[in-house]
């Protein structure tokens, strides 16, 4: 409590201290209502700015690599063409005929027996927005032992144009009955079915 003068009026010194106190109280209220929210908002905006700046710098680094990525992609496409990975026949029928002839010669060369080859509908594979490939598929049936099969698969998958093998089904052949003993002789022969796929560029429409 301020001690008032003898006539109940504050002295000049007391009035000054009272004014200072009121000023402090008003300043605290203004700071609580205005300054503190402004500082908090400023800090939040600064964090947002830093996050946006970081993301912008990331995008800049990604864009800086764009030309390198495109150049690498074009180089790979050029190398694949030069190295003969893709079938250069003009139609799928001709490509399929080439594949069947190659497969037949491969199986016969290792002593196996080709049962049948059959062209099946292929599909279209897209590697990017501009390049599309036709997948030429041939279904193969053959008989032979495991060593023959191993050699056939190796020759097919290491050939050019590039060919891949999938959906292999292997079943042992039933042995023949021995006329003398009446027993069925065991055999190493296998009945083998698989698919071979090759790729050719689809001409632009």
C-alpha atoms as a PDB file:
ATOM      1  CA  UNK A   1       0.000   0.000   0.000  1.00  0.00           C
ATOM      2  CA  UNK A   2       1.198   3.435  -0.872  1.00  0.00           C
ATOM      3  CA  UNK A   3       1.371   5.811   2.084  1.00  0.00           C
ATOM      4  CA  UNK A   4      -0.505   8.927   1.160  1.00  0.00           C
ATOM      5  CA  UNK A   5       0.422  12.347   2.302  1.00  0.00           C
ATOM      6  CA  UNK A   6      -1.186  14.071   5.253  1.00  0.00           C
ATOM      7  CA  UNK A   7      -4.022  15.367   3.018  1.00  0.00           C
ATOM      8  CA  UNK A   8      -4.664  11.928   1.393  1.00  0.00           C
ATOM      9  CA  UNK A   9      -2.938  12.851  -1.871  1.00  0.00           C
ATOM     10  CA  UNK A  10      -0.076  10.815  -3.314  1.00  0.00           C
ATOM     11  CA  UNK A  11       3.254  12.449  -3.259  1.00  0.00           C
ATOM     12  CA  UNK A  12       4.982  13.110  -6.630  1.00  0.00           C
ATOM     13  CA  UNK A  13       7.384  10.220  -6.003  1.00  0.00           C
ATOM     14  CA  UNK A  14       4.519   7.865  -5.251  1.00  0.00           C
ATOM     15  CA  UNK A  15       2.701   9.006  -8.356  1.00  0.00           C
ATOM     16  CA  UNK A  16       5.771   8.244 -10.468  1.00  0.00           C
ATOM     17  CA  UNK A  17       6.097   4.730  -9.008  1.00  0.00           C
ATOM     18  CA  UNK A  18       2.392   4.130  -9.525  1.00  0.00           C
ATOM     19  CA  UNK A  19       2.714   5.215 -13.167  1.00  0.00           C
ATOM     20  CA  UNK A  20       5.702   2.926 -13.644  1.00  0.00           C
ATOM     21  CA  UNK A  21       3.762   0.016 -12.108  1.00  0.00           C
ATOM     22  CA  UNK A  22       0.775   0.626 -14.338  1.00  0.00           C
ATOM     23  CA  UNK A  23       3.051   0.833 -17.354  1.00  0.00           C
ATOM     24  CA  UNK A  24       4.618  -2.515 -16.454  1.00  0.00           C
ATOM     25  CA  UNK A  25       1.195  -4.115 -15.985  1.00  0.00           C
ATOM     26  CA  UNK A  26      -0.031  -2.731 -19.317  1.00  0.00           C
ATOM     27  CA  UNK A  27       3.168  -3.890 -21.036  1.00  0.00           C
ATOM     28  CA  UNK A  28       2.756  -7.423 -19.664  1.00  0.00           C
ATOM     29  CA  UNK A  29      -0.855  -7.546 -20.822  1.00  0.00           C
ATOM     30  CA  UNK A  30       0.052  -6.263 -24.296  1.00  0.00           C
ATOM     31  CA  UNK A  31       2.933  -8.744 -24.485  1.00  0.00           C
ATOM     32  CA  UNK A  32       0.674 -11.638 -23.511  1.00  0.00           C
ATOM     33  CA  UNK A  33      -2.056 -10.708 -25.974  1.00  0.00           C
ATOM     34  CA  UNK A  34      -0.015  -9.490 -28.938  1.00  0.00           C
ATOM     35  CA  UNK A  35       3.746  -9.956 -28.774  1.00  0.00           C
ATOM     36  CA  UNK A  36       3.866 -13.590 -27.576  1.00  0.00           C
ATOM     37  CA  UNK A  37       1.470 -14.865 -30.305  1.00  0.00           C
ATOM     38  CA  UNK A  38       3.425 -12.879 -32.898  1.00  0.00           C
ATOM     39  CA  UNK A  39       6.717 -14.425 -31.761  1.00  0.00           C
ATOM     40  CA  UNK A  40       5.173 -17.906 -31.723  1.00  0.00           C
ATOM     41  CA  UNK A  41       3.748 -17.395 -35.208  1.00  0.00           C
ATOM     42  CA  UNK A  42       7.085 -16.066 -36.423  1.00  0.00           C
ATOM     43  CA  UNK A  43       8.898 -19.162 -35.123  1.00  0.00           C
ATOM     44  CA  UNK A  44       6.351 -21.459 -36.787  1.00  0.00           C
ATOM     45  CA  UNK A  45       6.688 -19.606 -40.079  1.00  0.00           C
ATOM     46  CA  UNK A  46      10.464 -19.846 -39.818  1.00  0.00           C
ATOM     47  CA  UNK A  47      10.235 -23.643 -39.368  1.00  0.00           C
ATOM     48  CA  UNK A  48       7.894 -23.875 -42.365  1.00  0.00           C
ATOM     49  CA  UNK A  49      10.282 -21.760 -44.417  1.00  0.00           C
ATOM     50  CA  UNK A  50      13.216 -23.990 -43.510  1.00  0.00           C
ATOM     51  CA  UNK A  51      11.242 -27.127 -44.416  1.00  0.00           C
ATOM     52  CA  UNK A  52      10.214 -25.654 -47.770  1.00  0.00           C
ATOM     53  CA  UNK A  53      13.785 -24.565 -48.436  1.00  0.00           C
ATOM     54  CA  UNK A  54      15.048 -28.083 -47.675  1.00  0.00           C
ATOM     55  CA  UNK A  55      12.476 -29.649 -50.015  1.00  0.00           C
ATOM     56  CA  UNK A  56      13.282 -27.095 -52.712  1.00  0.00           C
ATOM     57  CA  UNK A  57      16.971 -27.978 -52.469  1.00  0.00           C
ATOM     58  CA  UNK A  58      16.087 -31.663 -52.773  1.00  0.00           C
ATOM     59  CA  UNK A  59      14.066 -30.970 -55.926  1.00  0.00           C
ATOM     60  CA  UNK A  60      16.971 -28.953 -57.309  1.00  0.00           C
ATOM     61  CA  UNK A  61      19.328 -31.900 -56.771  1.00  0.00           C
ATOM     62  CA  UNK A  62      16.848 -34.282 -58.423  1.00  0.00           C
ATOM     63  CA  UNK A  63      16.382 -31.983 -61.412  1.00  0.00           C
ATOM     64  CA  UNK A  64      20.150 -31.587 -61.714  1.00  0.00           C
ATOM     65  CA  UNK A  65      20.415 -35.372 -62.193  1.00  0.00           C
ATOM     66  CA  UNK A  66      17.626 -35.507 -64.791  1.00  0.00           C
ATOM     67  CA  UNK A  67      19.904 -35.059 -67.791  1.00  0.00           C
ATOM     68  CA  UNK A  68      22.297 -37.709 -66.472  1.00  0.00           C
ATOM     69  CA  UNK A  69      19.446 -40.197 -65.979  1.00  0.00           C
ATOM     70  CA  UNK A  70      18.027 -39.545 -69.450  1.00  0.00           C
ATOM     71  CA  UNK A  71      21.486 -39.892 -71.003  1.00  0.00           C
ATOM     72  CA  UNK A  72      22.047 -43.188 -69.169  1.00  0.00           C
ATOM     73  CA  UNK A  73      18.670 -44.513 -70.288  1.00  0.00           C
ATOM     74  CA  UNK A  74      19.364 -43.600 -73.905  1.00  0.00           C
ATOM     75  CA  UNK A  75      22.796 -45.212 -73.665  1.00  0.00           C
ATOM     76  CA  UNK A  76      21.298 -48.458 -72.353  1.00  0.00           C
ATOM     77  CA  UNK A  77      18.702 -48.464 -75.140  1.00  0.00           C
ATOM     78  CA  UNK A  78      21.417 -47.856 -77.723  1.00  0.00           C
ATOM     79  CA  UNK A  79      23.598 -50.635 -76.304  1.00  0.00           C
ATOM     80  CA  UNK A  80      20.697 -53.087 -76.269  1.00  0.00           C
ATOM     81  CA  UNK A  81      20.079 -52.365 -79.948  1.00  0.00           C
ATOM     82  CA  UNK A  82      23.744 -52.658 -80.907  1.00  0.00           C
ATOM     83  CA  UNK A  83      24.272 -55.883 -78.942  1.00  0.00           C
ATOM     84  CA  UNK A  84      21.366 -57.641 -80.631  1.00  0.00           C
ATOM     85  CA  UNK A  85      19.232 -58.304 -77.564  1.00  0.00           C
ATOM     86  CA  UNK A  86      16.002 -57.858 -79.535  1.00  0.00           C
ATOM     87  CA  UNK A  87      14.647 -59.886 -82.414  1.00  0.00           C
ATOM     88  CA  UNK A  88      14.963 -57.881 -85.617  1.00  0.00           C
ATOM     89  CA  UNK A  89      12.327 -59.768 -87.626  1.00  0.00           C
ATOM     90  CA  UNK A  90       9.566 -57.672 -89.148  1.00  0.00           C
ATOM     91  CA  UNK A  91       6.657 -59.750 -87.818  1.00  0.00           C
ATOM     92  CA  UNK A  92       5.937 -61.899 -84.772  1.00  0.00           C
ATOM     93  CA  UNK A  93       5.303 -64.898 -87.028  1.00  0.00           C
ATOM     94  CA  UNK A  94       8.808 -64.680 -88.511  1.00  0.00           C
ATOM     95  CA  UNK A  95      10.327 -64.154 -85.075  1.00  0.00           C
ATOM     96  CA  UNK A  96       8.450 -67.192 -83.757  1.00  0.00           C
ATOM     97  CA  UNK A  97       9.609 -69.313 -86.705  1.00  0.00           C
ATOM     98  CA  UNK A  98      13.233 -68.328 -86.028  1.00  0.00           C
ATOM     99  CA  UNK A  99      12.864 -69.238 -82.359  1.00  0.00           C
ATOM    100  CA  UNK A 100      11.313 -72.628 -83.116  1.00  0.00           C
ATOM    101  CA  UNK A 101      14.089 -73.482 -85.585  1.00  0.00           C
ATOM    102  CA  UNK A 102      16.773 -72.474 -83.085  1.00  0.00           C
ATOM    103  CA  UNK A 103      15.142 -74.478 -80.280  1.00  0.00           C
ATOM    104  CA  UNK A 104      14.769 -77.549 -82.504  1.00  0.00           C
ATOM    105  CA  UNK A 105      18.433 -77.445 -83.560  1.00  0.00           C
ATOM    106  CA  UNK A 106      19.543 -76.923 -79.967  1.00  0.00           C
ATOM    107  CA  UNK A 107      17.602 -79.917 -78.635  1.00  0.00           C
ATOM    108  CA  UNK A 108      18.709 -82.210 -81.470  1.00  0.00           C
ATOM    109  CA  UNK A 109      22.362 -81.137 -81.071  1.00  0.00           C
ATOM    110  CA  UNK A 110      22.498 -82.426 -77.480  1.00  0.00           C
ATOM    111  CA  UNK A 111      20.773 -85.713 -78.287  1.00  0.00           C
ATOM    112  CA  UNK A 112      17.325 -84.800 -77.024  1.00  0.00           C
ATOM    113  CA  UNK A 113      14.075 -85.366 -78.841  1.00  0.00           C
ATOM    114  CA  UNK A 114      11.769 -82.489 -79.727  1.00  0.00           C
ATOM    115  CA  UNK A 115       8.142 -83.501 -79.249  1.00  0.00           C
ATOM    116  CA  UNK A 116       6.520 -80.234 -80.336  1.00  0.00           C
ATOM    117  CA  UNK A 117       6.826 -76.460 -80.523  1.00  0.00           C
ATOM    118  CA  UNK A 118       3.866 -74.137 -80.588  1.00  0.00           C
ATOM    119  CA  UNK A 119       3.624 -70.371 -80.876  1.00  0.00           C
ATOM    120  CA  UNK A 120       1.370 -68.829 -78.224  1.00  0.00           C
ATOM    121  CA  UNK A 121      -0.062 -65.317 -77.971  1.00  0.00           C
ATOM    122  CA  UNK A 122       2.549 -62.953 -76.544  1.00  0.00           C
ATOM    123  CA  UNK A 123       2.001 -59.669 -74.832  1.00  0.00           C
ATOM    124  CA  UNK A 124       3.165 -56.075 -74.938  1.00  0.00           C
ATOM    125  CA  UNK A 125       5.706 -54.732 -72.460  1.00  0.00           C
ATOM    126  CA  UNK A 126       6.363 -51.024 -71.996  1.00  0.00           C
ATOM    127  CA  UNK A 127       9.673 -49.870 -70.501  1.00  0.00           C
ATOM    128  CA  UNK A 128       8.969 -46.127 -70.678  1.00  0.00           C
ATOM    129  CA  UNK A 129       6.580 -43.695 -72.312  1.00  0.00           C
ATOM    130  CA  UNK A 130       8.057 -44.099 -75.785  1.00  0.00           C
ATOM    131  CA  UNK A 131       9.390 -47.647 -76.197  1.00  0.00           C
ATOM    132  CA  UNK A 132       7.153 -50.713 -76.454  1.00  0.00           C
ATOM    133  CA  UNK A 133       8.195 -54.333 -76.989  1.00  0.00           C
ATOM    134  CA  UNK A 134       6.289 -57.349 -78.213  1.00  0.00           C
ATOM    135  CA  UNK A 135       6.944 -60.556 -76.281  1.00  0.00           C
ATOM    136  CA  UNK A 136       7.051 -63.514 -78.651  1.00  0.00           C
ATOM    137  CA  UNK A 137       6.344 -66.788 -76.840  1.00  0.00           C
ATOM    138  CA  UNK A 138       6.886 -70.399 -77.939  1.00  0.00           C
ATOM    139  CA  UNK A 139       5.779 -73.447 -75.941  1.00  0.00           C
ATOM    140  CA  UNK A 140       8.167 -76.413 -76.146  1.00  0.00           C
ATOM    141  CA  UNK A 141       7.834 -80.123 -75.362  1.00  0.00           C
ATOM    142  CA  UNK A 142      10.872 -82.418 -75.424  1.00  0.00           C
ATOM    143  CA  UNK A 143      12.275 -85.607 -73.950  1.00  0.00           C
ATOM    144  CA  UNK A 144      15.798 -86.132 -72.666  1.00  0.00           C
ATOM    145  CA  UNK A 145      17.805 -86.553 -69.484  1.00  0.00           C
ATOM    146  CA  UNK A 146      18.722 -83.895 -66.945  1.00  0.00           C
ATOM    147  CA  UNK A 147      22.126 -83.206 -68.521  1.00  0.00           C
ATOM    148  CA  UNK A 148      20.493 -82.576 -71.904  1.00  0.00           C
ATOM    149  CA  UNK A 149      17.972 -80.241 -70.299  1.00  0.00           C
ATOM    150  CA  UNK A 150      20.711 -78.295 -68.525  1.00  0.00           C
ATOM    151  CA  UNK A 151      22.601 -77.786 -71.795  1.00  0.00           C
ATOM    152  CA  UNK A 152      19.468 -76.812 -73.717  1.00  0.00           C
ATOM    153  CA  UNK A 153      18.470 -74.199 -71.133  1.00  0.00           C
ATOM    154  CA  UNK A 154      21.985 -72.763 -71.063  1.00  0.00           C
ATOM    155  CA  UNK A 155      22.164 -72.440 -74.851  1.00  0.00           C
ATOM    156  CA  UNK A 156      18.733 -70.821 -75.043  1.00  0.00           C
ATOM    157  CA  UNK A 157      19.317 -68.276 -72.285  1.00  0.00           C
ATOM    158  CA  UNK A 158      22.821 -67.356 -73.499  1.00  0.00           C
ATOM    159  CA  UNK A 159      21.768 -66.847 -77.112  1.00  0.00           C
ATOM    160  CA  UNK A 160      21.198 -63.694 -79.124  1.00  0.00           C
ATOM    161  CA  UNK A 161      18.593 -62.379 -79.691  1.00  0.00           C
ATOM    162  CA  UNK A 162      17.865 -62.628 -75.993  1.00  0.00           C
ATOM    163  CA  UNK A 163      15.494 -65.424 -74.947  1.00  0.00           C
ATOM    164  CA  UNK A 164      14.177 -66.350 -71.506  1.00  0.00           C
ATOM    165  CA  UNK A 165      12.724 -69.623 -70.205  1.00  0.00           C
ATOM    166  CA  UNK A 166       9.870 -69.976 -67.739  1.00  0.00           C
ATOM    167  CA  UNK A 167       7.055 -72.318 -66.655  1.00  0.00           C
ATOM    168  CA  UNK A 168       9.247 -75.418 -66.709  1.00  0.00           C
ATOM    169  CA  UNK A 169       7.409 -78.683 -66.010  1.00  0.00           C
ATOM    170  CA  UNK A 170       9.530 -81.845 -65.632  1.00  0.00           C
ATOM    171  CA  UNK A 171       8.124 -85.354 -65.246  1.00  0.00           C
ATOM    172  CA  UNK A 172       9.927 -88.705 -65.372  1.00  0.00           C
ATOM    173  CA  UNK A 173       9.012 -90.990 -68.257  1.00  0.00           C
ATOM    174  CA  UNK A 174       7.623 -94.395 -67.365  1.00  0.00           C
ATOM    175  CA  UNK A 175      10.140 -97.105 -68.145  1.00  0.00           C
ATOM    176  CA  UNK A 176       9.469 -99.890 -70.621  1.00  0.00           C
ATOM    177  CA  UNK A 177       8.551-103.380 -69.541  1.00  0.00           C
ATOM    178  CA  UNK A 178      11.342-105.904 -69.950  1.00  0.00           C
ATOM    179  CA  UNK A 179      10.106-108.825 -72.071  1.00  0.00           C
ATOM    180  CA  UNK A 180      12.362-111.302 -70.330  1.00  0.00           C
ATOM    181  CA  UNK A 181      11.762-110.362 -66.727  1.00  0.00           C
ATOM    182  CA  UNK A 182       8.346-108.797 -67.047  1.00  0.00           C
ATOM    183  CA  UNK A 183       9.591-105.928 -64.871  1.00  0.00           C
ATOM    184  CA  UNK A 184       9.533-102.245 -65.812  1.00  0.00           C
ATOM    185  CA  UNK A 185      13.069-101.017 -66.369  1.00  0.00           C
ATOM    186  CA  UNK A 186      13.957 -97.674 -64.817  1.00  0.00           C
ATOM    187  CA  UNK A 187      14.916 -94.816 -67.112  1.00  0.00           C
ATOM    188  CA  UNK A 188      16.633 -91.445 -66.830  1.00  0.00           C
ATOM    189  CA  UNK A 189      14.455 -89.980 -69.554  1.00  0.00           C
ATOM    190  CA  UNK A 190      12.310 -86.977 -68.678  1.00  0.00           C
ATOM    191  CA  UNK A 191       9.246 -85.431 -70.268  1.00  0.00           C
ATOM    192  CA  UNK A 192       9.925 -81.685 -70.252  1.00  0.00           C
ATOM    193  CA  UNK A 193       7.648 -78.756 -71.063  1.00  0.00           C
ATOM    194  CA  UNK A 194       8.621 -75.092 -70.920  1.00  0.00           C
ATOM    195  CA  UNK A 195       8.052 -71.698 -72.530  1.00  0.00           C
ATOM    196  CA  UNK A 196      10.607 -69.585 -74.338  1.00  0.00           C
ATOM    197  CA  UNK A 197      10.092 -65.827 -74.764  1.00  0.00           C
ATOM    198  CA  UNK A 198      11.909 -63.410 -77.065  1.00  0.00           C
ATOM    199  CA  UNK A 199      11.413 -59.682 -77.512  1.00  0.00           C
ATOM    200  CA  UNK A 200      11.054 -57.485 -80.549  1.00  0.00           C
ATOM    201  CA  UNK A 201      10.499 -53.766 -80.843  1.00  0.00           C
ATOM    202  CA  UNK A 202       6.986 -52.781 -81.742  1.00  0.00           C
ATOM    203  CA  UNK A 203       7.030 -50.417 -84.716  1.00  0.00           C
ATOM    204  CA  UNK A 204       5.528 -46.955 -84.084  1.00  0.00           C
ATOM    205  CA  UNK A 205       1.869 -46.597 -85.039  1.00  0.00           C
END
